[in-house]
Amino acid sequence: MTAAVPTPDRQAPWHGIMVATALPFHENGSVDYDSYARHVRFLIDNGCDGVVPNGSLGEYQTLTEEERAQVVRVAVEAAGDGSRVMAGTAAYGSAESRRWAEQAAEAGAGSVLQLPPNAYRADRDAVLAHYAEVAKAGLPVVAYNNPHDTRVDLLPPLLAELHAAGSIVAVKEFSGDVRRAYEIAELAPGLDLLIGADDVLLELALAGAVGWIAGYPNALPRACAELYRAAVAGDVATAVPRYRALHPLLRWDSKTEFVQAIKLSMDLAGLNGGPCRAPRGALTGTTLAAVTSATEKVLAEGLR
């Protein structure tokens, strides 16, 4: 089987399929950096454009400072091109997020992914100041709008302000409200829209997204890459059947158990998903059965 080609019209480091990488651990709980490096290379060799280390899927909240820094360094080296790495820089304080952005720049990453302040429900002024501080590190900043977890909603008018101030170049839109794509394009036509949740991929691709910060390509890179490229090309005849086939799995990206679900699917696909760090535990009962069944069905259809 030949490797899938990367996105042909990728014009910026944050364009195309940027996989929010799952992080493998040894049985003793330490980070398996060698396995992680192999996974990064595997994703790029199989049609993905780059990786996003230290996102929520990478369990960054459970890592020590040294582990978190090393994950970025390993990703850059394994990718072979720093522009293919978008480092997650979320932290409770703006100064800490800026330090992580500076670490990413030193490691050679091409961009960073930044949540709004998430220790409290930040207001407009706090959000503007937060992103301005992170932007001082010098790397392009992709805003991550996840109001479900942060309780801070980066609505289109606020995104337009952030973009006009030069603080962000793109937004990972995870709200699930696909109508926002059109308002963002109207208010901030130069702001790049990135698909933020796997289960609205088709809708946001057709609405003009130029990238996908993705979860399920960790387990099914080629099938997801083919779906994404058909969707952004407007090839609905190809995209819709593939989307329908994959959606029972893609929707797990928006559920609380998304890390465990994607790692389980990786294991079933013959990859190294493995365990999560506490407090996340293994899936059990009906949840385990549902993810297993959906994954096995997709694999049986030859989608990988």
C-alpha atoms as a PDB file:
ATOM      1  CA  MET A   1       0.000   0.000   0.000  1.00  0.00           C
ATOM      2  CA  THR A   2       1.483   3.327  -1.035  1.00  0.00           C
ATOM      3  CA  ALA A   3       1.539   6.249   1.361  1.00  0.00           C
ATOM      4  CA  ALA A   4      -1.088   8.930   0.950  1.00  0.00           C
ATOM      5  CA  VAL A   5       0.195  12.292  -0.206  1.00  0.00           C
ATOM      6  CA  PRO A   6       0.019  15.368   2.040  1.00  0.00           C
ATOM      7  CA  THR A   7      -2.446  18.161   1.330  1.00  0.00           C
ATOM      8  CA  PRO A   8      -1.256  19.598  -2.009  1.00  0.00           C
ATOM      9  CA  ASP A   9      -2.310  23.229  -1.485  1.00  0.00           C
ATOM     10  CA  ARG A  10      -1.100  23.656   2.087  1.00  0.00           C
ATOM     11  CA  GLN A  11       0.062  27.263   2.259  1.00  0.00           C
ATOM     12  CA  ALA A  12       0.789  27.776   5.964  1.00  0.00           C
ATOM     13  CA  PRO A  13       2.083  25.639   8.841  1.00  0.00           C
ATOM     14  CA  TRP A  14      -1.392  25.420  10.369  1.00  0.00           C
ATOM     15  CA  HIS A  15      -3.130  24.277   7.167  1.00  0.00           C
ATOM     16  CA  GLY A  16      -4.118  20.725   6.279  1.00  0.00           C
ATOM     17  CA  ILE A  17      -4.541  17.782   8.640  1.00  0.00           C
ATOM     18  CA  MET A  18      -2.745  18.501  11.897  1.00  0.00           C
ATOM     19  CA  VAL A  19      -3.236  15.504  14.173  1.00  0.00           C
ATOM     20  CA  ALA A  20      -3.671  16.169  17.874  1.00  0.00           C
ATOM     21  CA  THR A  21      -1.441  13.282  18.809  1.00  0.00           C
ATOM     22  CA  ALA A  22      -2.175  10.711  21.464  1.00  0.00           C
ATOM     23  CA  LEU A  23       0.814  10.060  23.709  1.00  0.00           C
ATOM     24  CA  PRO A  24       2.003   6.502  24.459  1.00  0.00           C
ATOM     25  CA  PHE A  25       3.193   5.472  27.904  1.00  0.00           C
ATOM     26  CA  HIS A  26       5.310   2.572  29.109  1.00  0.00           C
ATOM     27  CA  GLU A  27       3.793   0.048  31.506  1.00  0.00           C
ATOM     28  CA  ASN A  28       5.451   1.901  34.395  1.00  0.00           C
ATOM     29  CA  GLY A  29       3.666   5.119  33.388  1.00  0.00           C
ATOM     30  CA  SER A  30       6.649   6.930  31.859  1.00  0.00           C
ATOM     31  CA  VAL A  31       6.379   8.537  28.415  1.00  0.00           C
ATOM     32  CA  ASP A  32       7.395   6.237  25.559  1.00  0.00           C
ATOM     33  CA  TYR A  33       9.227   8.799  23.444  1.00  0.00           C
ATOM     34  CA  ASP A  34      10.497   6.249  20.908  1.00  0.00           C
ATOM     35  CA  SER A  35       6.978   5.002  20.232  1.00  0.00           C
ATOM     36  CA  TYR A  36       5.752   8.584  20.008  1.00  0.00           C
ATOM     37  CA  ALA A  37       8.409   9.429  17.415  1.00  0.00           C
ATOM     38  CA  ARG A  38       7.393   6.409  15.337  1.00  0.00           C
ATOM     39  CA  HIS A  39       3.746   7.480  15.572  1.00  0.00           C
ATOM     40  CA  VAL A  40       4.519  10.994  14.350  1.00  0.00           C
ATOM     41  CA  ARG A  41       6.402   9.604  11.347  1.00  0.00           C
ATOM     42  CA  PHE A  42       3.618   7.089  10.687  1.00  0.00           C
ATOM     43  CA  LEU A  43       0.989   9.833  10.559  1.00  0.00           C
ATOM     44  CA  ILE A  44       2.961  11.981   8.139  1.00  0.00           C
ATOM     45  CA  ASP A  45       3.851   8.976   5.978  1.00  0.00           C
ATOM     46  CA  ASN A  46       0.145   8.129   5.754  1.00  0.00           C
ATOM     47  CA  GLY A  47      -1.228  11.397   4.483  1.00  0.00           C
ATOM     48  CA  CYS A  48      -1.359  13.729   7.470  1.00  0.00           C
ATOM     49  CA  ASP A  49       0.326  17.118   7.227  1.00  0.00           C
ATOM     50  CA  GLY A  50       1.585  17.539  10.749  1.00  0.00           C
ATOM     51  CA  VAL A  51       1.016  17.007  14.435  1.00  0.00           C
ATOM     52  CA  VAL A  52      -0.177  18.889  17.489  1.00  0.00           C
ATOM     53  CA  PRO A  53       1.688  17.661  20.578  1.00  0.00           C
ATOM     54  CA  ASN A  54       0.546  18.579  24.078  1.00  0.00           C
ATOM     55  CA  GLY A  55      -3.111  18.990  23.293  1.00  0.00           C
ATOM     56  CA  SER A  56      -5.825  17.495  25.468  1.00  0.00           C
ATOM     57  CA  LEU A  57      -5.568  14.245  23.516  1.00  0.00           C
ATOM     58  CA  GLY A  58      -1.874  14.198  24.433  1.00  0.00           C
ATOM     59  CA  GLU A  59      -2.796  14.388  28.130  1.00  0.00           C
ATOM     60  CA  TYR A  60      -0.575  17.431  28.629  1.00  0.00           C
ATOM     61  CA  GLN A  61      -2.213  18.203  31.964  1.00  0.00           C
ATOM     62  CA  THR A  62      -0.627  15.057  33.451  1.00  0.00           C
ATOM     63  CA  LEU A  63       2.917  15.728  32.219  1.00  0.00           C
ATOM     64  CA  THR A  64       5.845  17.180  34.115  1.00  0.00           C
ATOM     65  CA  GLU A  65       7.494  20.274  32.675  1.00  0.00           C
ATOM     66  CA  GLU A  66      10.407  18.234  31.346  1.00  0.00           C
ATOM     67  CA  GLU A  67       8.104  15.643  29.783  1.00  0.00           C
ATOM     68  CA  ARG A  68       6.029  18.318  28.125  1.00  0.00           C
ATOM     69  CA  ALA A  69       9.089  20.055  26.679  1.00  0.00           C
ATOM     70  CA  GLN A  70      10.583  16.771  25.473  1.00  0.00           C
ATOM     71  CA  VAL A  71       7.358  15.795  23.695  1.00  0.00           C
ATOM     72  CA  VAL A  72       7.651  18.937  21.550  1.00  0.00           C
ATOM     73  CA  ARG A  73      11.315  18.306  20.805  1.00  0.00           C
ATOM     74  CA  VAL A  74      10.593  14.697  19.806  1.00  0.00           C
ATOM     75  CA  ALA A  75       7.704  15.782  17.586  1.00  0.00           C
ATOM     76  CA  VAL A  76       9.842  18.323  15.723  1.00  0.00           C
ATOM     77  CA  GLU A  77      12.656  15.847  15.173  1.00  0.00           C
ATOM     78  CA  ALA A  78      10.329  13.042  14.092  1.00  0.00           C
ATOM     79  CA  ALA A  79       8.334  15.272  11.752  1.00  0.00           C
ATOM     80  CA  GLY A  80      11.550  16.270   9.993  1.00  0.00           C
ATOM     81  CA  ASP A  81      10.183  19.770   9.459  1.00  0.00           C
ATOM     82  CA  GLY A  82       9.252  22.080  12.318  1.00  0.00           C
ATOM     83  CA  SER A  83       6.534  23.724  10.264  1.00  0.00           C
ATOM     84  CA  ARG A  84       4.617  20.456  10.617  1.00  0.00           C
ATOM     85  CA  VAL A  85       4.401  20.863  14.402  1.00  0.00           C
ATOM     86  CA  MET A  86       1.813  23.008  16.195  1.00  0.00           C
ATOM     87  CA  ALA A  87       2.620  22.834  19.889  1.00  0.00           C
ATOM     88  CA  GLY A  88      -0.136  23.046  22.459  1.00  0.00           C
ATOM     89  CA  THR A  89       0.667  25.866  24.895  1.00  0.00           C
ATOM     90  CA  ALA A  90      -2.368  25.912  27.172  1.00  0.00           C
ATOM     91  CA  ALA A  91      -1.725  26.842  30.803  1.00  0.00           C
ATOM     92  CA  TYR A  92      -3.534  28.520  33.668  1.00  0.00           C
ATOM     93  CA  GLY A  93      -1.570  31.768  33.380  1.00  0.00           C
ATOM     94  CA  SER A  94      -0.692  33.933  30.384  1.00  0.00           C
ATOM     95  CA  ALA A  95       2.962  34.109  31.399  1.00  0.00           C
ATOM     96  CA  GLU A  96       3.191  30.323  31.540  1.00  0.00           C
ATOM     97  CA  SER A  97       1.504  29.961  28.154  1.00  0.00           C
ATOM     98  CA  ARG A  98       3.991  32.443  26.717  1.00  0.00           C
ATOM     99  CA  ARG A  99       6.871  30.422  28.182  1.00  0.00           C
ATOM    100  CA  TRP A 100       5.530  27.282  26.518  1.00  0.00           C
ATOM    101  CA  ALA A 101       5.233  29.195  23.247  1.00  0.00           C
ATOM    102  CA  GLU A 102       8.841  30.321  23.615  1.00  0.00           C
ATOM    103  CA  GLN A 103       9.873  26.721  24.290  1.00  0.00           C
ATOM    104  CA  ALA A 104       8.043  25.642  21.132  1.00  0.00           C
ATOM    105  CA  ALA A 105       9.851  28.308  19.133  1.00  0.00           C
ATOM    106  CA  GLU A 106      13.206  27.220  20.540  1.00  0.00           C
ATOM    107  CA  ALA A 107      12.419  23.602  19.644  1.00  0.00           C
ATOM    108  CA  GLY A 108      11.633  24.640  16.058  1.00  0.00           C
ATOM    109  CA  ALA A 109       7.831  24.327  15.953  1.00  0.00           C
ATOM    110  CA  GLY A 110       5.986  26.263  13.281  1.00  0.00           C
ATOM    111  CA  SER A 111       2.955  27.423  15.271  1.00  0.00           C
ATOM    112  CA  VAL A 112       1.153  27.046  18.589  1.00  0.00           C
ATOM    113  CA  LEU A 113      -2.369  26.133  19.672  1.00  0.00           C
ATOM    114  CA  GLN A 114      -3.682  28.277  22.508  1.00  0.00           C
ATOM    115  CA  LEU A 115      -6.777  28.002  24.690  1.00  0.00           C
ATOM    116  CA  PRO A 116      -8.208  31.140  26.265  1.00  0.00           C
ATOM    117  CA  PRO A 117      -7.684  31.610  30.018  1.00  0.00           C
ATOM    118  CA  ASN A 118      -9.263  28.520  31.546  1.00  0.00           C
ATOM    119  CA  ALA A 119      -8.857  28.931  35.291  1.00  0.00           C
ATOM    120  CA  TYR A 120     -11.955  31.128  35.422  1.00  0.00           C
ATOM    121  CA  ARG A 121     -14.597  32.585  33.104  1.00  0.00           C
ATOM    122  CA  ALA A 122     -12.447  35.284  31.508  1.00  0.00           C
ATOM    123  CA  ASP A 123     -14.024  38.404  30.064  1.00  0.00           C
ATOM    124  CA  ARG A 124     -13.215  40.122  26.761  1.00  0.00           C
ATOM    125  CA  ASP A 125     -10.332  42.228  28.073  1.00  0.00           C
ATOM    126  CA  ALA A 126      -8.693  39.241  29.759  1.00  0.00           C
ATOM    127  CA  VAL A 127      -8.957  37.174  26.579  1.00  0.00           C
ATOM    128  CA  LEU A 128      -7.447  39.938  24.447  1.00  0.00           C
ATOM    129  CA  ALA A 129      -4.569  40.429  26.892  1.00  0.00           C
ATOM    130  CA  HIS A 130      -3.968  36.678  27.155  1.00  0.00           C
ATOM    131  CA  TYR A 131      -3.547  36.134  23.437  1.00  0.00           C
ATOM    132  CA  ALA A 132      -1.468  39.301  23.028  1.00  0.00           C
ATOM    133  CA  GLU A 133       0.940  37.972  25.645  1.00  0.00           C
ATOM    134  CA  VAL A 134       1.310  34.565  23.965  1.00  0.00           C
ATOM    135  CA  ALA A 135       1.814  36.197  20.565  1.00  0.00           C
ATOM    136  CA  LYS A 136       4.909  37.965  21.947  1.00  0.00           C
ATOM    137  CA  ALA A 137       6.738  34.631  21.666  1.00  0.00           C
ATOM    138  CA  GLY A 138       6.822  35.213  17.909  1.00  0.00           C
ATOM    139  CA  LEU A 139       5.125  32.077  16.594  1.00  0.00           C
ATOM    140  CA  PRO A 140       1.775  32.139  14.767  1.00  0.00           C
ATOM    141  CA  VAL A 141      -0.993  31.524  17.298  1.00  0.00           C
ATOM    142  CA  VAL A 142      -4.033  29.383  16.557  1.00  0.00           C
ATOM    143  CA  ALA A 143      -6.865  30.080  18.993  1.00  0.00           C
ATOM    144  CA  TYR A 144      -8.690  27.057  20.367  1.00  0.00           C
ATOM    145  CA  ASN A 145     -12.370  27.699  21.005  1.00  0.00           C
ATOM    146  CA  ASN A 146     -13.704  25.013  23.338  1.00  0.00           C
ATOM    147  CA  PRO A 147     -16.460  26.655  25.399  1.00  0.00           C
ATOM    148  CA  HIS A 148     -17.670  23.297  26.693  1.00  0.00           C
ATOM    149  CA  ASP A 149     -14.538  22.784  28.792  1.00  0.00           C
ATOM    150  CA  THR A 150     -13.160  26.299  29.307  1.00  0.00           C
ATOM    151  CA  ARG A 151     -16.468  28.130  29.835  1.00  0.00           C
ATOM    152  CA  VAL A 152     -14.985  30.908  27.710  1.00  0.00           C
ATOM    153  CA  ASP A 153     -16.608  31.211  24.301  1.00  0.00           C
ATOM    154  CA  LEU A 154     -14.576  32.864  21.555  1.00  0.00           C
ATOM    155  CA  LEU A 155     -17.536  34.198  19.612  1.00  0.00           C
ATOM    156  CA  PRO A 156     -16.984  35.479  16.062  1.00  0.00           C
ATOM    157  CA  PRO A 157     -16.828  39.182  17.046  1.00  0.00           C
ATOM    158  CA  LEU A 158     -14.157  38.426  19.656  1.00  0.00           C
ATOM    159  CA  LEU A 159     -12.197  36.295  17.198  1.00  0.00           C
ATOM    160  CA  ALA A 160     -12.327  39.205  14.761  1.00  0.00           C
ATOM    161  CA  GLU A 161     -10.873  41.496  17.449  1.00  0.00           C
ATOM    162  CA  LEU A 162      -8.092  39.035  18.221  1.00  0.00           C
ATOM    163  CA  HIS A 163      -7.236  38.729  14.543  1.00  0.00           C
ATOM    164  CA  ALA A 164      -7.335  42.487  13.945  1.00  0.00           C
ATOM    165  CA  ALA A 165      -4.944  42.928  16.882  1.00  0.00           C
ATOM    166  CA  GLY A 166      -2.487  40.521  15.251  1.00  0.00           C
ATOM    167  CA  SER A 167      -2.736  38.026  18.095  1.00  0.00           C
ATOM    168  CA  ILE A 168      -4.070  35.012  16.152  1.00  0.00           C
ATOM    169  CA  VAL A 169      -3.865  33.651  12.614  1.00  0.00           C
ATOM    170  CA  ALA A 170      -6.536  30.936  12.827  1.00  0.00           C
ATOM    171  CA  VAL A 171      -9.114  29.340  15.073  1.00  0.00           C
ATOM    172  CA  LYS A 172      -9.732  25.722  15.945  1.00  0.00           C
ATOM    173  CA  GLU A 173     -13.544  25.795  16.152  1.00  0.00           C
ATOM    174  CA  PHE A 174     -14.826  23.188  18.595  1.00  0.00           C
ATOM    175  CA  SER A 175     -18.107  24.768  19.623  1.00  0.00           C
ATOM    176  CA  GLY A 176     -20.070  22.443  17.331  1.00  0.00           C
ATOM    177  CA  ASP A 177     -22.050  25.388  15.949  1.00  0.00           C
ATOM    178  CA  VAL A 178     -21.252  25.186  12.241  1.00  0.00           C
ATOM    179  CA  ARG A 179     -23.193  28.393  11.570  1.00  0.00           C
ATOM    180  CA  ARG A 180     -20.307  30.329  13.068  1.00  0.00           C
ATOM    181  CA  ALA A 181     -18.095  29.532  10.100  1.00  0.00           C
ATOM    182  CA  TYR A 182     -19.964  32.009   7.940  1.00  0.00           C
ATOM    183  CA  GLU A 183     -20.005  34.777  10.524  1.00  0.00           C
ATOM    184  CA  ILE A 184     -16.278  34.342  11.134  1.00  0.00           C
ATOM    185  CA  ALA A 185     -15.660  34.657   7.392  1.00  0.00           C
ATOM    186  CA  GLU A 186     -17.749  37.846   7.281  1.00  0.00           C
ATOM    187  CA  LEU A 187     -16.199  39.520  10.325  1.00  0.00           C
ATOM    188  CA  ALA A 188     -12.596  38.347   9.873  1.00  0.00           C
ATOM    189  CA  PRO A 189     -12.067  37.256   6.253  1.00  0.00           C
ATOM    190  CA  GLY A 190      -8.335  36.818   6.809  1.00  0.00           C
ATOM    191  CA  LEU A 191      -8.735  34.488   9.781  1.00  0.00           C
ATOM    192  CA  ASP A 192      -8.264  30.836   8.876  1.00  0.00           C
ATOM    193  CA  LEU A 193     -10.972  28.445  10.019  1.00  0.00           C
ATOM    194  CA  LEU A 194      -9.778  25.039  11.228  1.00  0.00           C
ATOM    195  CA  ILE A 195     -12.091  22.103  11.908  1.00  0.00           C
ATOM    196  CA  GLY A 196     -11.911  21.492  15.632  1.00  0.00           C
ATOM    197  CA  ALA A 197     -14.217  18.535  16.193  1.00  0.00           C
ATOM    198  CA  ASP A 198     -14.096  15.383  14.091  1.00  0.00           C
ATOM    199  CA  ASP A 199     -17.874  15.002  13.938  1.00  0.00           C
ATOM    200  CA  VAL A 200     -18.451  18.324  12.140  1.00  0.00           C
ATOM    201  CA  LEU A 201     -15.648  17.786   9.622  1.00  0.00           C
ATOM    202  CA  LEU A 202     -17.809  17.742   6.504  1.00  0.00           C
ATOM    203  CA  GLU A 203     -19.929  20.721   7.503  1.00  0.00           C
ATOM    204  CA  LEU A 204     -16.967  22.968   8.311  1.00  0.00           C
ATOM    205  CA  ALA A 205     -14.949  21.789   5.309  1.00  0.00           C
ATOM    206  CA  LEU A 206     -17.777  22.766   2.996  1.00  0.00           C
ATOM    207  CA  ALA A 207     -18.015  26.089   4.846  1.00  0.00           C
ATOM    208  CA  GLY A 208     -14.441  26.972   3.938  1.00  0.00           C
ATOM    209  CA  ALA A 209     -12.128  25.420   6.532  1.00  0.00           C
ATOM    210  CA  VAL A 210      -8.494  25.204   5.426  1.00  0.00           C
ATOM    211  CA  GLY A 211      -7.352  22.739   8.062  1.00  0.00           C
ATOM    212  CA  TRP A 212      -8.382  20.109  10.566  1.00  0.00           C
ATOM    213  CA  ILE A 213      -6.923  19.693  14.042  1.00  0.00           C
ATOM    214  CA  ALA A 214      -7.889  16.085  14.180  1.00  0.00           C
ATOM    215  CA  GLY A 215      -8.338  13.251  16.642  1.00  0.00           C
ATOM    216  CA  TYR A 216      -9.300  10.060  14.837  1.00  0.00           C
ATOM    217  CA  PRO A 217      -6.501  10.108  12.253  1.00  0.00           C
ATOM    218  CA  ASN A 218      -4.402   8.807  15.155  1.00  0.00           C
ATOM    219  CA  ALA A 219      -6.093   5.463  14.468  1.00  0.00           C
ATOM    220  CA  LEU A 220      -7.237   5.788  10.851  1.00  0.00           C
ATOM    221  CA  PRO A 221      -4.936   8.256   9.082  1.00  0.00           C
ATOM    222  CA  ARG A 222      -5.441   7.238   5.456  1.00  0.00           C
ATOM    223  CA  ALA A 223      -9.231   6.957   5.630  1.00  0.00           C
ATOM    224  CA  CYS A 224      -9.503  10.291   7.440  1.00  0.00           C
ATOM    225  CA  ALA A 225      -7.097  11.992   5.039  1.00  0.00           C
ATOM    226  CA  GLU A 226      -9.095  10.816   2.050  1.00  0.00           C
ATOM    227  CA  LEU A 227     -12.309  12.056   3.684  1.00  0.00           C
ATOM    228  CA  TYR A 228     -10.822  15.457   4.490  1.00  0.00           C
ATOM    229  CA  ARG A 229      -9.444  16.034   1.017  1.00  0.00           C
ATOM    230  CA  ALA A 230     -12.731  15.078  -0.637  1.00  0.00           C
ATOM    231  CA  ALA A 231     -14.620  17.380   1.736  1.00  0.00           C
ATOM    232  CA  VAL A 232     -12.444  20.474   1.236  1.00  0.00           C
ATOM    233  CA  ALA A 233     -12.549  19.875  -2.525  1.00  0.00           C
ATOM    234  CA  GLY A 234     -16.362  19.890  -2.405  1.00  0.00           C
ATOM    235  CA  ASP A 235     -16.480  16.309  -3.680  1.00  0.00           C
ATOM    236  CA  VAL A 236     -19.620  15.388  -1.738  1.00  0.00           C
ATOM    237  CA  ALA A 237     -20.198  12.241  -3.799  1.00  0.00           C
ATOM    238  CA  THR A 238     -16.995  10.829  -2.297  1.00  0.00           C
ATOM    239  CA  ALA A 239     -17.096  12.569   1.070  1.00  0.00           C
ATOM    240  CA  VAL A 240     -20.643  11.838   2.245  1.00  0.00           C
ATOM    241  CA  PRO A 241     -20.497   8.008   2.122  1.00  0.00           C
ATOM    242  CA  ARG A 242     -17.067   8.036   3.779  1.00  0.00           C
ATOM    243  CA  TYR A 243     -18.257  10.510   6.418  1.00  0.00           C
ATOM    244  CA  ARG A 244     -21.315   8.400   7.146  1.00  0.00           C
ATOM    245  CA  ALA A 245     -19.156   5.281   7.528  1.00  0.00           C
ATOM    246  CA  LEU A 246     -16.696   6.974   9.888  1.00  0.00           C
ATOM    247  CA  HIS A 247     -19.101   9.116  11.886  1.00  0.00           C
ATOM    248  CA  PRO A 248     -19.883   6.499  14.567  1.00  0.00           C
ATOM    249  CA  LEU A 249     -16.218   6.821  15.514  1.00  0.00           C
ATOM    250  CA  LEU A 250     -15.678  10.502  14.728  1.00  0.00           C
ATOM    251  CA  ARG A 251     -18.357  11.531  17.203  1.00  0.00           C
ATOM    252  CA  TRP A 252     -16.300  10.068  20.058  1.00  0.00           C
ATOM    253  CA  ASP A 253     -13.890  12.977  19.550  1.00  0.00           C
ATOM    254  CA  SER A 254     -16.539  15.223  21.145  1.00  0.00           C
ATOM    255  CA  LYS A 255     -17.257  12.994  24.150  1.00  0.00           C
ATOM    256  CA  THR A 256     -15.710  13.068  27.613  1.00  0.00           C
ATOM    257  CA  GLU A 257     -13.980   9.716  26.989  1.00  0.00           C
ATOM    258  CA  PHE A 258     -12.355  10.855  23.740  1.00  0.00           C
ATOM    259  CA  VAL A 259      -8.793  10.094  24.818  1.00  0.00           C
ATOM    260  CA  GLN A 260      -9.592   6.537  25.895  1.00  0.00           C
ATOM    261  CA  ALA A 261     -11.780   5.963  22.832  1.00  0.00           C
ATOM    262  CA  ILE A 262      -9.149   7.057  20.337  1.00  0.00           C
ATOM    263  CA  LYS A 263      -6.416   5.105  22.108  1.00  0.00           C
ATOM    264  CA  LEU A 264      -8.608   1.998  22.088  1.00  0.00           C
ATOM    265  CA  SER A 265      -9.265   2.412  18.371  1.00  0.00           C
ATOM    266  CA  MET A 266      -5.518   2.744  17.835  1.00  0.00           C
ATOM    267  CA  ASP A 267      -4.943  -0.535  19.672  1.00  0.00           C
ATOM    268  CA  LEU A 268      -7.601  -2.298  17.617  1.00  0.00           C
ATOM    269  CA  ALA A 269      -6.002  -0.938  14.440  1.00  0.00           C
ATOM    270  CA  GLY A 270      -2.650  -2.443  15.450  1.00  0.00           C
ATOM    271  CA  LEU A 271      -1.099   0.798  16.662  1.00  0.00           C
ATOM    272  CA  ASN A 272       0.205   1.721  20.107  1.00  0.00           C
ATOM    273  CA  GLY A 273      -2.608   3.539  21.866  1.00  0.00           C
ATOM    274  CA  GLY A 274      -2.145   2.002  25.261  1.00  0.00           C
ATOM    275  CA  PRO A 275      -3.271   3.259  28.648  1.00  0.00           C
ATOM    276  CA  CYS A 276      -3.971   6.777  29.822  1.00  0.00           C
ATOM    277  CA  ARG A 277      -2.510   8.481  32.837  1.00  0.00           C
ATOM    278  CA  ALA A 278      -4.666   8.922  35.914  1.00  0.00           C
ATOM    279  CA  PRO A 279      -7.240  10.165  36.540  1.00  0.00           C
ATOM    280  CA  ARG A 280      -8.380   8.780  33.172  1.00  0.00           C
ATOM    281  CA  GLY A 281      -9.088   5.085  33.437  1.00  0.00           C
ATOM    282  CA  ALA A 282      -9.780   2.382  30.884  1.00  0.00           C
ATOM    283  CA  LEU A 283     -13.175   2.192  29.201  1.00  0.00           C
ATOM    284  CA  THR A 284     -15.583  -0.346  30.621  1.00  0.00           C
ATOM    285  CA  GLY A 285     -19.088  -1.713  30.092  1.00  0.00           C
ATOM    286  CA  THR A 286     -21.283  -0.290  27.375  1.00  0.00           C
ATOM    287  CA  THR A 287     -18.773   2.447  26.468  1.00  0.00           C
ATOM    288  CA  LEU A 288     -16.032  -0.096  25.857  1.00  0.00           C
ATOM    289  CA  ALA A 289     -18.412  -2.225  23.820  1.00  0.00           C
ATOM    290  CA  ALA A 290     -19.613   0.721  21.732  1.00  0.00           C
ATOM    291  CA  VAL A 291     -16.126   1.948  20.783  1.00  0.00           C
ATOM    292  CA  THR A 292     -14.925  -1.585  20.097  1.00  0.00           C
ATOM    293  CA  SER A 293     -17.905  -2.400  17.902  1.00  0.00           C
ATOM    294  CA  ALA A 294     -17.686   0.850  15.916  1.00  0.00           C
ATOM    295  CA  THR A 295     -13.951   0.446  15.379  1.00  0.00           C
ATOM    296  CA  GLU A 296     -14.189  -3.180  14.302  1.00  0.00           C
ATOM    297  CA  LYS A 297     -16.945  -2.319  11.834  1.00  0.00           C
ATOM    298  CA  VAL A 298     -14.845   0.420  10.234  1.00  0.00           C
ATOM    299  CA  LEU A 299     -11.767  -1.800  10.066  1.00  0.00           C
ATOM    300  CA  ALA A 300     -13.808  -4.611   8.528  1.00  0.00           C
ATOM    301  CA  GLU A 301     -14.815  -2.211   5.752  1.00  0.00           C
ATOM    302  CA  GLY A 302     -11.154  -1.680   4.955  1.00  0.00           C
ATOM    303  CA  LEU A 303     -10.955   1.845   6.324  1.00  0.00           C
ATOM    304  CA  ARG A 304      -7.649   2.564   8.034  1.00  0.00           C
END
